[in-house]
Protein backbone atom coordinates (compact mmCIF):
# COMPACT_ATOMS: atom_id res chain seq x y z
CA MET A 1 2.84 -6.15 -15.25
CA ASP A 2 1.29 -8.40 -17.87
CA LEU A 3 1.16 -11.94 -16.45
CA ALA A 4 -1.05 -13.41 -19.17
CA ASN A 5 0.30 -16.66 -20.55
CA LEU A 6 2.26 -17.23 -17.32
CA THR A 7 4.41 -20.35 -17.20
CA ILE A 8 6.40 -21.57 -14.19
CA THR A 9 9.61 -23.43 -14.94
CA ARG A 10 11.16 -23.73 -11.45
CA ILE A 11 9.66 -23.35 -8.02
CA ILE A 12 10.88 -24.04 -4.50
CA PHE A 13 9.30 -23.56 -1.07
CA HIS A 14 10.90 -22.37 2.15
CA GLU A 15 9.35 -21.52 5.53
CA VAL A 16 10.00 -18.29 7.43
CA TYR A 17 9.09 -17.65 11.06
CA ARG A 18 7.88 -14.94 13.40
CA ARG A 19 10.62 -13.32 15.46
CA ARG A 20 11.31 -14.73 18.93
CA ASP A 21 10.14 -12.99 22.10
CA ASP A 22 13.47 -11.17 22.31
CA ARG A 23 12.92 -10.06 18.68
CA SER A 24 15.86 -12.07 17.39
CA PRO A 25 15.23 -13.73 14.00
CA GLN A 26 14.70 -17.45 13.55
CA GLN A 27 16.57 -19.11 10.72
CA PRO A 28 14.27 -20.20 7.89
CA THR A 29 13.67 -23.82 7.03
CA TYR A 30 14.99 -24.20 3.50
CA GLY A 31 13.46 -26.41 0.87
CA ALA A 32 15.95 -29.06 -0.15
CA ASN A 33 15.17 -29.15 -3.86
CA VAL A 34 13.19 -27.54 -6.64
CA THR A 35 9.64 -28.83 -6.22
CA ALA A 36 8.02 -30.95 -8.91
CA LEU A 37 4.35 -29.96 -8.81
CA SER A 38 1.62 -31.83 -10.62
CA GLN A 39 0.03 -30.11 -13.60
CA ASP A 40 -3.15 -29.54 -11.56
CA ALA A 41 -1.11 -27.84 -8.84
CA ILE A 42 0.74 -25.68 -11.38
CA ASP A 43 -2.55 -24.66 -13.03
CA GLU A 44 -4.08 -23.78 -9.65
CA LEU A 45 -1.04 -21.73 -8.64
CA ARG A 46 -1.03 -19.87 -11.97
CA GLU A 47 -4.70 -19.02 -11.50
CA ARG A 48 -4.07 -17.68 -7.98
CA ILE A 49 -1.21 -15.48 -9.19
CA ILE A 50 -3.00 -14.15 -12.27
CA ASN A 51 -6.25 -13.45 -10.41
CA ALA A 52 -4.45 -11.70 -7.55
CA THR A 53 -2.18 -9.52 -9.65
CA GLY A 54 -5.06 -8.68 -11.98
CA ASN A 55 -6.94 -7.07 -9.07
CA GLN A 56 -6.22 -3.41 -9.78
CA SER A 57 -7.27 -2.25 -6.31
CA GLN A 58 -4.85 -4.57 -4.50
CA SER A 59 -2.05 -4.86 -7.04
CA MET A 60 0.08 -2.19 -8.66
CA ASP A 61 3.28 -1.63 -10.55
CA MET A 62 6.06 -0.36 -8.30
CA ALA A 63 9.28 1.63 -8.59
CA ILE A 64 12.52 -0.29 -7.95
CA VAL A 65 14.53 1.73 -5.43
CA ASN A 66 16.95 -0.86 -4.02
CA TYR A 67 18.96 -2.78 -6.59
CA GLY A 68 22.28 -3.27 -4.79
CA ALA A 69 24.25 -6.50 -4.60
CA ASP A 70 22.14 -7.93 -1.75
CA SER A 71 18.76 -6.71 -3.01
CA ALA A 72 15.77 -8.82 -4.02
CA LEU A 73 16.25 -7.66 -7.62
CA ALA A 74 19.89 -8.83 -7.66
CA ILE A 75 18.79 -12.22 -6.32
CA ALA A 76 16.01 -12.39 -8.95
CA ASN A 77 18.63 -11.71 -11.61
CA ASP A 78 20.77 -14.57 -10.27
CA LEU A 79 17.75 -16.89 -10.19
CA LEU A 80 17.08 -16.28 -13.86
CA ALA A 81 20.72 -16.97 -14.66
CA ALA A 82 20.84 -20.20 -12.58
CA PRO A 83 22.14 -22.93 -14.95
CA ASP A 84 20.61 -25.83 -13.02
CA ASP A 85 18.20 -26.74 -10.23
CA ALA A 86 20.95 -27.05 -7.63
CA THR A 87 22.11 -23.48 -8.23
CA PHE A 88 18.52 -22.22 -8.25
CA THR A 89 17.92 -23.93 -4.90
CA GLN A 90 21.01 -22.40 -3.34
CA VAL A 91 20.30 -18.88 -4.60
CA SER A 92 16.65 -19.07 -3.51
CA GLN A 93 17.76 -19.47 0.12
CA GLN A 94 18.95 -15.85 -0.03
CA VAL A 95 15.32 -14.84 -0.63
CA ALA A 96 14.23 -16.53 2.60
CA ASP A 97 17.08 -14.87 4.48
CA LEU A 98 16.15 -11.47 3.06
CA LEU A 99 12.49 -11.83 4.04
CA THR A 100 13.49 -12.96 7.54
CA SER A 101 15.65 -9.85 7.95
CA ALA A 102 12.83 -7.60 6.71
CA GLN A 103 10.31 -8.96 9.23
CA LEU A 104 11.49 -6.76 12.10
CA SER A 105 8.33 -6.84 14.21
CA ARG A 106 6.99 -9.78 16.20
CA ASN A 107 3.56 -8.82 14.92
CA ILE A 108 4.53 -10.05 11.47
CA PRO A 109 3.57 -13.72 11.11
CA GLY A 110 5.65 -16.40 9.51
CA GLY A 111 4.56 -18.48 6.56
CA VAL A 112 5.53 -20.34 3.45
CA LEU A 113 7.73 -18.56 0.92
CA ALA A 114 7.44 -19.68 -2.70
CA VAL A 115 10.24 -18.65 -5.06
CA PHE A 116 9.70 -19.28 -8.75
CA SER A 117 10.97 -18.35 -12.19
CA GLY A 118 9.22 -18.55 -15.52
CA ALA A 119 7.89 -16.36 -18.29
CA ALA A 120 4.77 -14.30 -19.00
CA GLY A 121 3.22 -11.92 -21.49
CA ASN A 122 2.83 -12.03 -25.24
CA PRO A 123 5.52 -12.44 -26.38
CA GLN A 124 6.72 -14.08 -23.21
CA ARG A 125 9.40 -12.36 -21.11
CA PRO A 126 11.30 -13.81 -18.13
CA VAL A 127 9.72 -13.31 -14.70
CA VAL A 128 10.68 -14.13 -11.12
CA GLY A 129 8.09 -14.25 -8.35
CA PHE A 130 8.14 -14.33 -4.55
CA ILE A 131 4.98 -15.33 -2.66
CA LYS A 132 4.61 -15.14 1.09
CA ALA A 133 1.59 -17.15 2.22
CA GLU A 134 0.45 -17.41 5.84
CA LEU A 135 -0.51 -20.84 7.13
CA HIS A 136 -4.03 -21.53 8.34
CA GLY A 137 -6.18 -24.46 9.36
CA GLY A 138 -8.87 -26.24 7.38
CA PHE A 139 -10.67 -29.51 6.80
CA ARG A 140 -10.15 -32.04 4.03
CA ARG A 141 -12.58 -34.74 2.97
CA THR A 142 -10.83 -38.11 2.64
CA ALA A 143 -11.67 -40.96 0.27
CA ASN A 144 -14.05 -42.71 2.68
CA LEU A 145 -15.96 -39.44 3.35
CA SER A 146 -14.38 -38.89 6.75
CA VAL A 147 -12.88 -35.51 7.62
CA GLU A 148 -9.25 -34.69 8.33
CA TYR A 149 -8.09 -31.42 9.91
CA LEU A 150 -5.01 -29.80 8.41
CA LYS A 151 -3.30 -26.84 10.04
CA THR A 152 -0.73 -26.13 7.36
CA LEU A 153 -2.89 -24.98 4.45
CA PHE A 154 -1.95 -21.94 2.40
CA MET A 155 -3.16 -20.04 -0.68
CA THR A 156 -6.60 -21.64 -0.70
CA PRO A 157 -9.42 -19.82 -2.55
CA GLN A 158 -11.05 -18.81 0.73
CA THR A 159 -8.03 -17.05 2.20
CA LYS A 160 -6.36 -13.84 1.13
CA LEU A 161 -3.45 -14.19 3.53
CA TYR A 162 -0.70 -13.92 0.98
CA LYS A 163 1.45 -11.32 -0.74
CA ILE A 164 3.12 -11.52 -4.13
CA GLY A 165 6.14 -9.69 -5.47
CA MET A 166 6.89 -10.01 -9.19
CA PHE A 167 9.97 -8.96 -11.14
CA GLY A 168 9.83 -8.94 -14.93
CA TYR A 169 12.77 -8.66 -17.34
CA ASP A 170 12.53 -7.40 -20.90
CA GLY A 171 14.80 -10.17 -22.15
CA GLY A 172 17.43 -7.86 -23.59
CA ALA A 173 21.19 -8.06 -23.30
CA SER A 174 22.73 -7.85 -19.83
CA ARG A 175 22.78 -4.28 -18.46
CA PRO A 176 23.40 -2.66 -15.07
CA LEU A 177 20.50 -3.12 -12.65
CA PRO A 178 17.70 -2.07 -12.66
CA GLN A 179 17.68 -1.44 -16.42
CA GLY A 180 15.26 -3.72 -18.25
CA TRP A 181 13.40 -4.70 -15.08
CA THR A 182 9.90 -3.90 -13.85
CA ALA A 183 8.17 -4.84 -10.60
CA SER A 184 4.68 -5.23 -9.19
CA VAL A 185 3.18 -6.14 -5.83
CA TYR A 186 -0.06 -7.76 -4.74
CA ASP A 187 -1.17 -7.26 -1.13
CA ASN A 188 -4.70 -7.87 0.10
CA GLN A 189 -4.24 -5.08 2.66
CA MET A 190 -3.91 -2.53 -0.12
CA SER A 191 -6.88 -0.77 -1.71
CA ALA A 192 -7.35 1.76 -4.49
CA THR A 193 -7.93 4.56 -1.98
CA ASN A 194 -5.41 3.37 0.58
CA ARG A 195 -2.22 2.26 -1.12
CA ASP A 196 -0.37 2.72 2.16
CA GLY A 197 -2.36 -0.17 3.61
CA ALA A 198 0.15 -2.47 1.95
CA ALA A 199 2.71 -4.00 4.29
CA ARG A 200 5.79 -1.81 3.98
CA TYR A 201 8.12 -4.50 5.37
CA PHE A 202 7.20 -6.64 2.35
CA PHE A 203 7.40 -4.24 -0.58
CA GLU A 204 10.09 -1.93 0.79
CA GLY A 205 12.19 -3.84 3.33
CA PHE A 206 12.05 -7.16 1.49
CA LEU A 207 11.58 -6.36 -2.20
CA GLY A 208 13.28 -2.97 -2.30
CA LEU A 209 10.29 -1.30 -3.97
CA ASP A 210 8.27 1.84 -3.40
CA PHE A 211 5.10 3.39 -4.78
CA PRO A 212 5.66 5.15 -8.09
CA GLN A 213 5.46 8.90 -7.69
CA SER A 214 2.49 9.32 -10.00
CA ALA A 215 0.58 12.58 -10.16
CA ALA A 216 -2.43 10.94 -8.48
CA ARG A 217 -0.34 9.67 -5.59
CA MET A 218 1.48 12.99 -5.15
CA THR A 219 -1.83 14.87 -5.14
CA ARG A 220 -3.14 12.52 -2.47
CA LYS A 221 0.07 12.99 -0.50
CA PHE A 222 -0.40 16.76 -0.69
CA TRP A 223 -3.99 16.45 0.56
CA GLU A 224 -3.04 14.12 3.44
CA GLY A 225 -0.05 16.21 4.54
CA THR A 226 -1.92 19.52 4.35
CA SER A 227 -4.97 18.08 6.15
CA ALA A 228 -2.76 16.79 8.97
CA PHE A 229 -1.12 20.21 9.32
CA ILE A 230 -4.48 22.00 9.45
CA GLN A 231 -5.83 19.57 12.04
CA SER A 232 -2.91 20.29 14.38
CA ALA A 233 -2.49 24.00 13.63
CA PRO A 234 -2.94 26.42 16.60
CA VAL A 235 -6.06 28.11 15.21
CA THR A 236 -9.69 28.43 16.26
CA GLU A 237 -12.18 25.85 15.08
CA GLU A 238 -13.79 28.47 12.85
CA ASP A 239 -10.43 29.12 11.16
CA ARG A 240 -9.73 25.40 10.93
CA SER A 241 -13.00 24.91 9.10
CA ASP A 242 -12.12 27.74 6.71
CA LEU A 243 -8.69 26.24 6.04
CA LEU A 244 -10.16 22.82 5.25
CA THR A 245 -12.63 24.50 2.91
CA GLY A 246 -9.70 26.32 1.32
CA LEU A 247 -7.89 23.01 0.79
CA TYR A 248 -10.97 21.62 -0.97
CA SER A 249 -11.21 24.73 -3.14
CA TYR A 250 -7.53 24.62 -4.03
CA LEU A 251 -7.78 21.01 -5.19
CA ARG A 252 -11.30 20.77 -6.60
CA VAL A 253 -12.35 24.27 -7.65
CA ASP A 254 -9.09 25.90 -8.70
CA GLN A 255 -8.56 25.24 -12.41
CA ALA A 256 -4.75 25.21 -12.18
CA GLN A 257 -3.15 22.04 -13.54
CA ASN A 258 -0.43 21.98 -10.86
CA ILE A 259 -0.29 22.15 -7.07
CA ASP A 260 2.53 23.28 -4.83
CA VAL A 261 3.17 24.05 -1.19
CA ALA A 262 4.16 27.70 -1.67
CA THR A 263 0.98 28.61 -3.56
CA PHE A 264 -1.29 27.06 -0.95
CA ALA A 265 0.65 28.67 1.89
CA ASN A 266 0.55 32.15 0.32
CA ASN A 267 -3.12 31.98 -0.69
CA TYR A 268 -4.70 30.30 2.32
CA LEU A 269 -2.44 30.47 5.39
CA GLU A 270 -1.72 33.37 7.71
CA GLN A 271 1.88 34.59 7.69
CA ASN A 272 2.65 33.03 11.08
CA LEU A 273 1.74 29.53 9.82
CA ARG A 274 3.55 29.46 6.48
CA ASP A 275 7.03 28.45 7.64
CA ALA A 276 5.65 25.75 9.90
CA TYR A 277 3.55 24.41 7.02
CA ARG A 278 6.52 24.33 4.63
CA ASN A 279 8.62 22.52 7.24
CA HIS A 280 5.80 20.04 7.85
CA MET A 281 5.42 19.21 4.16
CA HIS A 282 9.19 18.89 3.77
CA ALA A 283 9.22 16.40 6.66
CA GLU A 284 6.40 14.50 4.92
CA GLY A 285 8.62 14.14 1.86
CA PHE A 286 6.57 16.38 -0.42
CA PRO A 287 8.69 18.25 -2.99
CA THR A 288 9.08 22.02 -2.96
CA ASN A 289 8.46 22.24 -6.71
CA ALA A 290 5.04 22.11 -8.33
CA VAL A 291 3.56 18.74 -9.27
CA ALA A 292 0.80 17.86 -11.71
CA LYS A 293 -2.67 17.69 -10.16
CA ASP A 294 -4.58 14.41 -10.52
CA LEU A 295 -7.61 13.78 -8.29
CA ALA A 296 -8.06 10.11 -9.24
CA GLU A 297 -7.29 8.85 -5.70
CA LEU A 298 -9.29 11.58 -3.93
CA GLN A 299 -12.69 11.49 -5.58
CA GLY A 300 -14.45 9.96 -2.57
CA LYS A 301 -12.68 12.13 -0.01
CA LEU A 302 -13.51 15.40 -1.77
CA LYS A 303 -17.25 14.81 -2.05
CA LYS A 304 -18.21 15.36 1.60
CA ARG A 305 -16.99 17.44 4.52
CA ARG A 306 -17.52 15.93 7.96
CA VAL A 307 -17.26 17.59 11.38
CA ARG A 308 -17.13 15.32 14.43
CA PHE A 309 -17.77 16.29 18.03
CA SER A 310 -16.53 14.55 21.16
CA GLN A 311 -19.96 13.13 22.10
CA ASP A 312 -20.35 11.26 18.80
CA VAL A 313 -22.31 14.04 17.09
CA GLN A 314 -21.46 14.44 13.41
CA LEU A 315 -22.24 17.02 10.76
CA THR A 316 -21.91 16.07 7.11
CA ALA A 317 -22.39 18.35 4.13
CA PRO A 318 -21.36 18.48 0.46
CA ALA A 319 -17.80 19.78 0.31
CA ALA A 320 -18.56 21.93 -2.73
CA SER A 321 -21.14 24.02 -0.88
CA PHE A 322 -19.93 23.65 2.72
CA LYS A 323 -18.73 27.23 3.04
CA ASP A 324 -22.00 28.64 1.69
CA LEU A 325 -24.27 26.34 3.70
CA ILE A 326 -22.57 26.06 7.09
CA GLU A 327 -21.43 28.60 9.68
CA ILE A 328 -19.44 27.31 12.65
CA GLU A 329 -18.80 29.40 15.77
CA THR A 330 -17.23 28.38 19.06
CA PHE A 331 -17.83 30.16 22.35
CA ALA A 332 -17.12 29.65 26.04
CA SER A 333 -19.43 27.13 27.63
CA PRO A 334 -21.51 28.09 30.72
CA PRO A 335 -20.26 27.21 34.20
CA GLY A 336 -20.62 23.55 35.10
CA SER A 337 -20.21 22.25 31.54
CA THR A 338 -17.82 19.34 31.02
CA SER A 339 -16.58 20.93 27.79
CA PRO A 340 -14.61 24.23 27.85
CA THR A 341 -16.28 25.41 24.65
CA TRP A 342 -19.58 24.92 22.86
CA THR A 343 -20.24 25.16 19.16
CA ARG A 344 -22.98 27.03 17.34
CA ILE A 345 -23.80 25.75 13.87
CA THR A 346 -25.99 27.69 11.46
CA VAL A 347 -27.30 25.84 8.43
CA HIS A 348 -28.53 28.01 5.57
CA ASP A 349 -31.27 25.56 4.66
CA GLN A 350 -34.47 24.03 5.97
CA ILE A 351 -34.91 20.53 7.42
CA ARG A 352 -35.99 18.06 4.73
CA ASP A 353 -36.42 14.94 6.87
CA GLN A 354 -35.19 13.34 10.07
CA LYS A 355 -34.35 9.75 10.96
């Protein structure tokens, strides 16, 4: 979402709380009125939002999957249509209630919730934003150079303890939701290689969003689901190593532009594993049809193969040549060993150096 030229026309703050010990929700503390921020405060807030959402590794456009009458998108639509500050204030309380309901675990902290409307882009289009910022402590220098401790700071430059959900509208005539709307999320727990690090309660339970089913994400989902199946499959360690090598080959070496469960099962799995693998991938939510292959989110994971042993011994080798360089055999350990099996590794190469 393009947030260049962002302006904020209305903003209000509420506070939401961690669930009680019995996991019952605590009612939010609602802001009484739309907040009149100084120009310095508005400029600082705009900079925080633009810098955060411009971080491509921790911010991404999302798919809107919940747009019912009580959804965050429906509330955002009502906020844009609010004719005055009093109506905006009243509608914004629904946002605090929705976030409180989404925070099901006691592990989820409370914080300040900022609800704002405005415009962004060039030309500008209407936007609505929701920011959840956790409170933290800090020190403030006063006029006479003494120091004052504050425990209710939020969204300072030194902390990343906040999440941002943005809804943008194309400005066209009124249409059924979600037509004309786009959404994006910033979460400091998310990274380019681990999109699932984002807090699901925030983007799914609260905002009604989900990751777009891009080819790169679906390819990563195929790799993760297939890897998990191979790791738990009832096969020998030698066969497990071969299957992992086969997964690498299927994704990195095979020149096909698509990937699908049936092809991998038929080409790499024994007959007795195929049905279990198909059931596993179905349970993981991977489609039965072929999807386009895009390795953008797997580049780092497909460079190296790593084998770990229980006593903290590791073997690492280039994934592309693992099968040609490494032989792995398991055999029964001698009497008295604490491990039921030992492993023999043959490396088709000479030692270059040791550390």
